[in-house]
mmCIF file of all heavy atoms, coordinates in Angstrom:
data_MODEL
# 
_entry.id   MODEL 
# 
loop_
_atom_site.group_PDB 
_atom_site.id 
_atom_site.type_symbol 
_atom_site.label_atom_id 
_atom_site.label_alt_id 
_atom_site.label_comp_id 
_atom_site.label_asym_id 
_atom_site.label_entity_id 
_atom_site.label_seq_id 
_atom_site.pdbx_PDB_ins_code 
_atom_site.Cartn_x 
_atom_site.Cartn_y 
_atom_site.Cartn_z 
_atom_site.occupancy 
_atom_site.B_iso_or_equiv 
_atom_site.pdbx_formal_charge 
_atom_site.auth_seq_id 
_atom_site.auth_comp_id 
_atom_site.auth_asym_id 
_atom_site.auth_atom_id 
_atom_site.pdbx_PDB_model_num 
ATOM 1   N N   . ARG A 1 1  ? -20.294 -18.289 -16.029 1.00 0.00 ? 1  ARG A N   1 
ATOM 2   C CA  . ARG A 1 1  ? -19.399 -17.699 -15.036 1.00 0.00 ? 1  ARG A CA  1 
ATOM 3   C C   . ARG A 1 1  ? -18.072 -17.257 -15.660 1.00 0.00 ? 1  ARG A C   1 
ATOM 4   O O   . ARG A 1 1  ? -17.497 -16.244 -15.251 1.00 0.00 ? 1  ARG A O   1 
ATOM 5   C CB  . ARG A 1 1  ? -19.142 -18.695 -13.912 1.00 0.00 ? 1  ARG A CB  1 
ATOM 6   C CG  . ARG A 1 1  ? -18.379 -18.096 -12.724 1.00 0.00 ? 1  ARG A CG  1 
ATOM 7   C CD  . ARG A 1 1  ? -18.060 -19.156 -11.677 1.00 0.00 ? 1  ARG A CD  1 
ATOM 8   N NE  . ARG A 1 1  ? -17.394 -18.565 -10.540 1.00 0.00 ? 1  ARG A NE  1 
ATOM 9   C CZ  . ARG A 1 1  ? -18.010 -18.151 -9.446  1.00 0.00 ? 1  ARG A CZ  1 
ATOM 10  N NH1 . ARG A 1 1  ? -19.325 -18.262 -9.359  1.00 0.00 ? 1  ARG A NH1 1 
ATOM 11  N NH2 . ARG A 1 1  ? -17.336 -17.624 -8.450  1.00 0.00 ? 1  ARG A NH2 1 
ATOM 12  N N   . HIS A 1 2  ? -17.595 -18.012 -16.659 1.00 0.00 ? 2  HIS A N   1 
ATOM 13  C CA  . HIS A 1 2  ? -16.297 -17.659 -17.258 1.00 0.00 ? 2  HIS A CA  1 
ATOM 14  C C   . HIS A 1 2  ? -16.391 -16.322 -17.994 1.00 0.00 ? 2  HIS A C   1 
ATOM 15  O O   . HIS A 1 2  ? -15.399 -15.593 -18.082 1.00 0.00 ? 2  HIS A O   1 
ATOM 16  C CB  . HIS A 1 2  ? -15.806 -18.756 -18.202 1.00 0.00 ? 2  HIS A CB  1 
ATOM 17  C CG  . HIS A 1 2  ? -16.663 -18.968 -19.415 1.00 0.00 ? 2  HIS A CG  1 
ATOM 18  N ND1 . HIS A 1 2  ? -17.885 -19.599 -19.370 1.00 0.00 ? 2  HIS A ND1 1 
ATOM 19  C CD2 . HIS A 1 2  ? -16.471 -18.605 -20.718 1.00 0.00 ? 2  HIS A CD2 1 
ATOM 20  C CE1 . HIS A 1 2  ? -18.403 -19.624 -20.589 1.00 0.00 ? 2  HIS A CE1 1 
ATOM 21  N NE2 . HIS A 1 2  ? -17.575 -19.032 -21.418 1.00 0.00 ? 2  HIS A NE2 1 
ATOM 22  N N   . VAL A 1 3  ? -17.573 -15.970 -18.509 1.00 0.00 ? 3  VAL A N   1 
ATOM 23  C CA  . VAL A 1 3  ? -17.740 -14.668 -19.154 1.00 0.00 ? 3  VAL A CA  1 
ATOM 24  C C   . VAL A 1 3  ? -17.692 -13.564 -18.107 1.00 0.00 ? 3  VAL A C   1 
ATOM 25  O O   . VAL A 1 3  ? -17.044 -12.526 -18.301 1.00 0.00 ? 3  VAL A O   1 
ATOM 26  C CB  . VAL A 1 3  ? -19.060 -14.612 -19.942 1.00 0.00 ? 3  VAL A CB  1 
ATOM 27  C CG1 . VAL A 1 3  ? -19.276 -13.213 -20.528 1.00 0.00 ? 3  VAL A CG1 1 
ATOM 28  C CG2 . VAL A 1 3  ? -19.062 -15.654 -21.062 1.00 0.00 ? 3  VAL A CG2 1 
ATOM 29  N N   . ALA A 1 4  ? -18.370 -13.775 -16.977 1.00 0.00 ? 4  ALA A N   1 
ATOM 30  C CA  . ALA A 1 4  ? -18.337 -12.787 -15.898 1.00 0.00 ? 4  ALA A CA  1 
ATOM 31  C C   . ALA A 1 4  ? -16.914 -12.597 -15.373 1.00 0.00 ? 4  ALA A C   1 
ATOM 32  O O   . ALA A 1 4  ? -16.495 -11.473 -15.068 1.00 0.00 ? 4  ALA A O   1 
ATOM 33  C CB  . ALA A 1 4  ? -19.269 -13.211 -14.761 1.00 0.00 ? 4  ALA A CB  1 
ATOM 34  N N   . THR A 1 5  ? -16.167 -13.695 -15.287 1.00 0.00 ? 5  THR A N   1 
ATOM 35  C CA  . THR A 1 5  ? -14.775 -13.601 -14.822 1.00 0.00 ? 5  THR A CA  1 
ATOM 36  C C   . THR A 1 5  ? -13.931 -12.788 -15.790 1.00 0.00 ? 5  THR A C   1 
ATOM 37  O O   . THR A 1 5  ? -13.165 -11.904 -15.383 1.00 0.00 ? 5  THR A O   1 
ATOM 38  C CB  . THR A 1 5  ? -14.176 -15.006 -14.656 1.00 0.00 ? 5  THR A CB  1 
ATOM 39  O OG1 . THR A 1 5  ? -14.929 -15.728 -13.663 1.00 0.00 ? 5  THR A OG1 1 
ATOM 40  C CG2 . THR A 1 5  ? -12.722 -14.934 -14.213 1.00 0.00 ? 5  THR A CG2 1 
ATOM 41  N N   . ALA A 1 6  ? -14.080 -13.058 -17.088 1.00 0.00 ? 6  ALA A N   1 
ATOM 42  C CA  . ALA A 1 6  ? -13.313 -12.316 -18.096 1.00 0.00 ? 6  ALA A CA  1 
ATOM 43  C C   . ALA A 1 6  ? -13.707 -10.846 -18.122 1.00 0.00 ? 6  ALA A C   1 
ATOM 44  O O   . ALA A 1 6  ? -12.852 -9.958  -18.248 1.00 0.00 ? 6  ALA A O   1 
ATOM 45  C CB  . ALA A 1 6  ? -13.519 -12.949 -19.473 1.00 0.00 ? 6  ALA A CB  1 
ATOM 46  N N   . ALA A 1 7  ? -14.993 -10.555 -17.993 1.00 0.00 ? 7  ALA A N   1 
ATOM 47  C CA  . ALA A 1 7  ? -15.449 -9.160  -17.973 1.00 0.00 ? 7  ALA A CA  1 
ATOM 48  C C   . ALA A 1 7  ? -14.928 -8.448  -16.726 1.00 0.00 ? 7  ALA A C   1 
ATOM 49  O O   . ALA A 1 7  ? -14.535 -7.275  -16.782 1.00 0.00 ? 7  ALA A O   1 
ATOM 50  C CB  . ALA A 1 7  ? -16.972 -9.101  -18.018 1.00 0.00 ? 7  ALA A CB  1 
ATOM 51  N N   . GLY A 1 8  ? -14.906 -9.148  -15.596 1.00 0.00 ? 8  GLY A N   1 
ATOM 52  C CA  . GLY A 1 8  ? -14.358 -8.560  -14.382 1.00 0.00 ? 8  GLY A CA  1 
ATOM 53  C C   . GLY A 1 8  ? -12.881 -8.253  -14.516 1.00 0.00 ? 8  GLY A C   1 
ATOM 54  O O   . GLY A 1 8  ? -12.402 -7.213  -14.039 1.00 0.00 ? 8  GLY A O   1 
ATOM 55  N N   . GLU A 1 9  ? -12.151 -9.144  -15.169 1.00 0.00 ? 9  GLU A N   1 
ATOM 56  C CA  . GLU A 1 9  ? -10.727 -8.888  -15.411 1.00 0.00 ? 9  GLU A CA  1 
ATOM 57  C C   . GLU A 1 9  ? -10.549 -7.620  -16.238 1.00 0.00 ? 9  GLU A C   1 
ATOM 58  O O   . GLU A 1 9  ? -9.646  -6.818  -15.976 1.00 0.00 ? 9  GLU A O   1 
ATOM 59  C CB  . GLU A 1 9  ? -10.102 -10.088 -16.138 1.00 0.00 ? 9  GLU A CB  1 
ATOM 60  C CG  . GLU A 1 9  ? -9.993  -11.337 -15.265 1.00 0.00 ? 9  GLU A CG  1 
ATOM 61  C CD  . GLU A 1 9  ? -9.567  -12.556 -16.060 1.00 0.00 ? 9  GLU A CD  1 
ATOM 62  O OE1 . GLU A 1 9  ? -9.484  -12.455 -17.314 1.00 0.00 ? 9  GLU A OE1 1 
ATOM 63  O OE2 . GLU A 1 9  ? -9.332  -13.609 -15.442 1.00 0.00 ? 9  GLU A OE2 1 
ATOM 64  N N   . ALA A 1 10 ? -11.420 -7.444  -17.224 1.00 0.00 ? 10 ALA A N   1 
ATOM 65  C CA  . ALA A 1 10 ? -11.342 -6.235  -18.053 1.00 0.00 ? 10 ALA A CA  1 
ATOM 66  C C   . ALA A 1 10 ? -11.638 -4.984  -17.233 1.00 0.00 ? 10 ALA A C   1 
ATOM 67  O O   . ALA A 1 10 ? -10.984 -3.950  -17.403 1.00 0.00 ? 10 ALA A O   1 
ATOM 68  C CB  . ALA A 1 10 ? -12.310 -6.350  -19.234 1.00 0.00 ? 10 ALA A CB  1 
ATOM 69  N N   . LEU A 1 11 ? -12.615 -5.062  -16.337 1.00 0.00 ? 11 LEU A N   1 
ATOM 70  C CA  . LEU A 1 11 ? -12.935 -3.916  -15.485 1.00 0.00 ? 11 LEU A CA  1 
ATOM 71  C C   . LEU A 1 11 ? -11.752 -3.573  -14.581 1.00 0.00 ? 11 LEU A C   1 
ATOM 72  O O   . LEU A 1 11 ? -11.408 -2.401  -14.403 1.00 0.00 ? 11 LEU A O   1 
ATOM 73  C CB  . LEU A 1 11 ? -14.169 -4.212  -14.639 1.00 0.00 ? 11 LEU A CB  1 
ATOM 74  C CG  . LEU A 1 11 ? -15.519 -4.287  -15.358 1.00 0.00 ? 11 LEU A CG  1 
ATOM 75  C CD1 . LEU A 1 11 ? -16.622 -4.678  -14.381 1.00 0.00 ? 11 LEU A CD1 1 
ATOM 76  C CD2 . LEU A 1 11 ? -15.853 -2.967  -16.033 1.00 0.00 ? 11 LEU A CD2 1 
ATOM 77  N N   . GLY A 1 12 ? -11.139 -4.579  -14.000 1.00 0.00 ? 12 GLY A N   1 
ATOM 78  C CA  . GLY A 1 12 ? -10.008 -4.332  -13.110 1.00 0.00 ? 12 GLY A CA  1 
ATOM 79  C C   . GLY A 1 12 ? -8.779  -3.843  -13.840 1.00 0.00 ? 12 GLY A C   1 
ATOM 80  O O   . GLY A 1 12 ? -7.950  -3.109  -13.279 1.00 0.00 ? 12 GLY A O   1 
ATOM 81  N N   . ASN A 1 13 ? -8.662  -4.219  -15.101 1.00 0.00 ? 13 ASN A N   1 
ATOM 82  C CA  . ASN A 1 13 ? -7.482  -3.869  -15.874 1.00 0.00 ? 13 ASN A CA  1 
ATOM 83  C C   . ASN A 1 13 ? -7.586  -2.495  -16.520 1.00 0.00 ? 13 ASN A C   1 
ATOM 84  O O   . ASN A 1 13 ? -6.572  -1.846  -16.771 1.00 0.00 ? 13 ASN A O   1 
ATOM 85  C CB  . ASN A 1 13 ? -7.268  -4.918  -16.971 1.00 0.00 ? 13 ASN A CB  1 
ATOM 86  C CG  . ASN A 1 13 ? -5.861  -4.898  -17.524 1.00 0.00 ? 13 ASN A CG  1 
ATOM 87  O OD1 . ASN A 1 13 ? -4.899  -4.736  -16.782 1.00 0.00 ? 13 ASN A OD1 1 
ATOM 88  N ND2 . ASN A 1 13 ? -5.743  -5.073  -18.828 1.00 0.00 ? 13 ASN A ND2 1 
ATOM 89  N N   . ALA A 1 14 ? -8.803  -2.028  -16.783 1.00 0.00 ? 14 ALA A N   1 
ATOM 90  C CA  . ALA A 1 14 ? -8.957  -0.795  -17.566 1.00 0.00 ? 14 ALA A CA  1 
ATOM 91  C C   . ALA A 1 14 ? -9.924  0.200   -16.948 1.00 0.00 ? 14 ALA A C   1 
ATOM 92  O O   . ALA A 1 14 ? -9.565  1.338   -16.674 1.00 0.00 ? 14 ALA A O   1 
ATOM 93  C CB  . ALA A 1 14 ? -9.409  -1.147  -18.990 1.00 0.00 ? 14 ALA A CB  1 
ATOM 94  N N   . ALA A 1 15 ? -11.168 -0.208  -16.710 1.00 0.00 ? 15 ALA A N   1 
ATOM 95  C CA  . ALA A 1 15 ? -12.180 0.748   -16.276 1.00 0.00 ? 15 ALA A CA  1 
ATOM 96  C C   . ALA A 1 15 ? -11.916 1.278   -14.875 1.00 0.00 ? 15 ALA A C   1 
ATOM 97  O O   . ALA A 1 15 ? -12.080 2.472   -14.615 1.00 0.00 ? 15 ALA A O   1 
ATOM 98  C CB  . ALA A 1 15 ? -13.572 0.100   -16.339 1.00 0.00 ? 15 ALA A CB  1 
ATOM 99  N N   . LEU A 1 16 ? -11.504 0.410   -13.969 1.00 0.00 ? 16 LEU A N   1 
ATOM 100 C CA  . LEU A 1 16 ? -11.256 0.875   -12.605 1.00 0.00 ? 16 LEU A CA  1 
ATOM 101 C C   . LEU A 1 16 ? -10.113 1.888   -12.537 1.00 0.00 ? 16 LEU A C   1 
ATOM 102 O O   . LEU A 1 16 ? -10.259 2.958   -11.932 1.00 0.00 ? 16 LEU A O   1 
ATOM 103 C CB  . LEU A 1 16 ? -10.980 -0.320  -11.688 1.00 0.00 ? 16 LEU A CB  1 
ATOM 104 C CG  . LEU A 1 16 ? -10.773 -0.004  -10.214 1.00 0.00 ? 16 LEU A CG  1 
ATOM 105 C CD1 . LEU A 1 16 ? -11.986 0.696   -9.626  1.00 0.00 ? 16 LEU A CD1 1 
ATOM 106 C CD2 . LEU A 1 16 ? -10.492 -1.295  -9.440  1.00 0.00 ? 16 LEU A CD2 1 
ATOM 107 N N   . PRO A 1 17 ? -8.955  1.630   -13.166 1.00 0.00 ? 17 PRO A N   1 
ATOM 108 C CA  . PRO A 1 17 ? -7.904  2.654   -13.172 1.00 0.00 ? 17 PRO A CA  1 
ATOM 109 C C   . PRO A 1 17 ? -8.328  3.939   -13.865 1.00 0.00 ? 17 PRO A C   1 
ATOM 110 O O   . PRO A 1 17 ? -7.873  5.023   -13.494 1.00 0.00 ? 17 PRO A O   1 
ATOM 111 C CB  . PRO A 1 17 ? -6.755  1.967   -13.923 1.00 0.00 ? 17 PRO A CB  1 
ATOM 112 C CG  . PRO A 1 17 ? -6.991  0.515   -13.722 1.00 0.00 ? 17 PRO A CG  1 
ATOM 113 C CD  . PRO A 1 17 ? -8.480  0.363   -13.751 1.00 0.00 ? 17 PRO A CD  1 
ATOM 114 N N   . ALA A 1 18 ? -9.186  3.845   -14.884 1.00 0.00 ? 18 ALA A N   1 
ATOM 115 C CA  . ALA A 1 18 ? -9.647  5.062   -15.562 1.00 0.00 ? 18 ALA A CA  1 
ATOM 116 C C   . ALA A 1 18 ? -10.468 5.927   -14.615 1.00 0.00 ? 18 ALA A C   1 
ATOM 117 O O   . ALA A 1 18 ? -10.405 7.155   -14.661 1.00 0.00 ? 18 ALA A O   1 
ATOM 118 C CB  . ALA A 1 18 ? -10.472 4.692   -16.796 1.00 0.00 ? 18 ALA A CB  1 
ATOM 119 N N   . LEU A 1 19 ? -11.247 5.275   -13.759 1.00 0.00 ? 19 LEU A N   1 
ATOM 120 C CA  . LEU A 1 19 ? -12.067 6.014   -12.808 1.00 0.00 ? 19 LEU A CA  1 
ATOM 121 C C   . LEU A 1 19 ? -11.227 6.578   -11.668 1.00 0.00 ? 19 LEU A C   1 
ATOM 122 O O   . LEU A 1 19 ? -11.521 7.642   -11.125 1.00 0.00 ? 19 LEU A O   1 
ATOM 123 C CB  . LEU A 1 19 ? -13.154 5.087   -12.247 1.00 0.00 ? 19 LEU A CB  1 
ATOM 124 C CG  . LEU A 1 19 ? -14.162 5.702   -11.268 1.00 0.00 ? 19 LEU A CG  1 
ATOM 125 C CD1 . LEU A 1 19 ? -15.019 6.748   -11.974 1.00 0.00 ? 19 LEU A CD1 1 
ATOM 126 C CD2 . LEU A 1 19 ? -15.054 4.616   -10.683 1.00 0.00 ? 19 LEU A CD2 1 
ATOM 127 N N   . LEU A 1 20 ? -10.156 5.868   -11.319 1.00 0.00 ? 20 LEU A N   1 
ATOM 128 C CA  . LEU A 1 20 ? -9.330  6.246   -10.170 1.00 0.00 ? 20 LEU A CA  1 
ATOM 129 C C   . LEU A 1 20 ? -7.870  6.374   -10.584 1.00 0.00 ? 20 LEU A C   1 
ATOM 130 O O   . LEU A 1 20 ? -7.020  5.592   -10.163 1.00 0.00 ? 20 LEU A O   1 
ATOM 131 C CB  . LEU A 1 20 ? -9.471  5.194   -9.065  1.00 0.00 ? 20 LEU A CB  1 
ATOM 132 C CG  . LEU A 1 20 ? -10.890 4.949   -8.568  1.00 0.00 ? 20 LEU A CG  1 
ATOM 133 C CD1 . LEU A 1 20 ? -10.949 3.703   -7.717  1.00 0.00 ? 20 LEU A CD1 1 
ATOM 134 C CD2 . LEU A 1 20 ? -11.394 6.157   -7.798  1.00 0.00 ? 20 LEU A CD2 1 
ATOM 135 N N   . PRO A 1 21 ? -7.526  7.349   -11.431 1.00 0.00 ? 21 PRO A N   1 
ATOM 136 C CA  . PRO A 1 21 ? -6.162  7.435   -11.959 1.00 0.00 ? 21 PRO A CA  1 
ATOM 137 C C   . PRO A 1 21 ? -5.111  7.747   -10.911 1.00 0.00 ? 21 PRO A C   1 
ATOM 138 O O   . PRO A 1 21 ? -3.935  7.521   -11.135 1.00 0.00 ? 21 PRO A O   1 
ATOM 139 C CB  . PRO A 1 21 ? -6.261  8.562   -12.996 1.00 0.00 ? 21 PRO A CB  1 
ATOM 140 C CG  . PRO A 1 21 ? -7.416  9.390   -12.549 1.00 0.00 ? 21 PRO A CG  1 
ATOM 141 C CD  . PRO A 1 21 ? -8.392  8.423   -11.953 1.00 0.00 ? 21 PRO A CD  1 
ATOM 142 N N   . ARG A 1 22 ? -5.511  8.277   -9.769  1.00 0.00 ? 22 ARG A N   1 
ATOM 143 C CA  . ARG A 1 22 ? -4.521  8.617   -8.745  1.00 0.00 ? 22 ARG A CA  1 
ATOM 144 C C   . ARG A 1 22 ? -4.185  7.439   -7.837  1.00 0.00 ? 22 ARG A C   1 
ATOM 145 O O   . ARG A 1 22 ? -3.358  7.552   -6.950  1.00 0.00 ? 22 ARG A O   1 
ATOM 146 C CB  . ARG A 1 22 ? -5.014  9.786   -7.887  1.00 0.00 ? 22 ARG A CB  1 
ATOM 147 C CG  . ARG A 1 22 ? -5.193  11.092  -8.652  1.00 0.00 ? 22 ARG A CG  1 
ATOM 148 C CD  . ARG A 1 22 ? -5.511  12.239  -7.709  1.00 0.00 ? 22 ARG A CD  1 
ATOM 149 N NE  . ARG A 1 22 ? -6.699  11.954  -6.923  1.00 0.00 ? 22 ARG A NE  1 
ATOM 150 C CZ  . ARG A 1 22 ? -7.946  12.175  -7.341  1.00 0.00 ? 22 ARG A CZ  1 
ATOM 151 N NH1 . ARG A 1 22 ? -8.156  12.638  -8.567  1.00 0.00 ? 22 ARG A NH1 1 
ATOM 152 N NH2 . ARG A 1 22 ? -8.976  11.918  -6.560  1.00 0.00 ? 22 ARG A NH2 1 
ATOM 153 N N   . GLY A 1 23 ? -4.866  6.311   -8.027  1.00 0.00 ? 23 GLY A N   1 
ATOM 154 C CA  . GLY A 1 23 ? -4.597  5.158   -7.194  1.00 0.00 ? 23 GLY A CA  1 
ATOM 155 C C   . GLY A 1 23 ? -5.250  5.284   -5.837  1.00 0.00 ? 23 GLY A C   1 
ATOM 156 O O   . GLY A 1 23 ? -6.285  5.907   -5.674  1.00 0.00 ? 23 GLY A O   1 
ATOM 157 N N   . GLY A 1 24 ? -4.631  4.698   -4.835  1.00 0.00 ? 24 GLY A N   1 
ATOM 158 C CA  . GLY A 1 24 ? -5.199  4.712   -3.499  1.00 0.00 ? 24 GLY A CA  1 
ATOM 159 C C   . GLY A 1 24 ? -5.924  3.414   -3.195  1.00 0.00 ? 24 GLY A C   1 
ATOM 160 O O   . GLY A 1 24 ? -5.926  2.466   -3.978  1.00 0.00 ? 24 GLY A O   1 
ATOM 161 N N   . ARG A 1 25 ? -6.556  3.363   -2.036  1.00 0.00 ? 25 ARG A N   1 
ATOM 162 C CA  . ARG A 1 25 ? -7.266  2.165   -1.600  1.00 0.00 ? 25 ARG A CA  1 
ATOM 163 C C   . ARG A 1 25 ? -8.730  2.241   -2.037  1.00 0.00 ? 25 ARG A C   1 
ATOM 164 O O   . ARG A 1 25 ? -9.366  3.289   -1.938  1.00 0.00 ? 25 ARG A O   1 
ATOM 165 C CB  . ARG A 1 25 ? -7.162  2.020   -0.081  1.00 0.00 ? 25 ARG A CB  1 
ATOM 166 C CG  . ARG A 1 25 ? -5.762  1.593   0.364   1.00 0.00 ? 25 ARG A CG  1 
ATOM 167 C CD  . ARG A 1 25 ? -5.636  1.651   1.863   1.00 0.00 ? 25 ARG A CD  1 
ATOM 168 N NE  . ARG A 1 25 ? -5.675  3.027   2.342   1.00 0.00 ? 25 ARG A NE  1 
ATOM 169 C CZ  . ARG A 1 25 ? -5.829  3.354   3.616   1.00 0.00 ? 25 ARG A CZ  1 
ATOM 170 N NH1 . ARG A 1 25 ? -5.999  2.413   4.524   1.00 0.00 ? 25 ARG A NH1 1 
ATOM 171 N NH2 . ARG A 1 25 ? -5.832  4.626   3.981   1.00 0.00 ? 25 ARG A NH2 1 
# 
């Protein structure tokens, strides 16, 4: 589970903003 948590943190920190650079909900 700790690996999934760390990978999720990486997604929220980098991949998600890359996909949605304009922000929003």
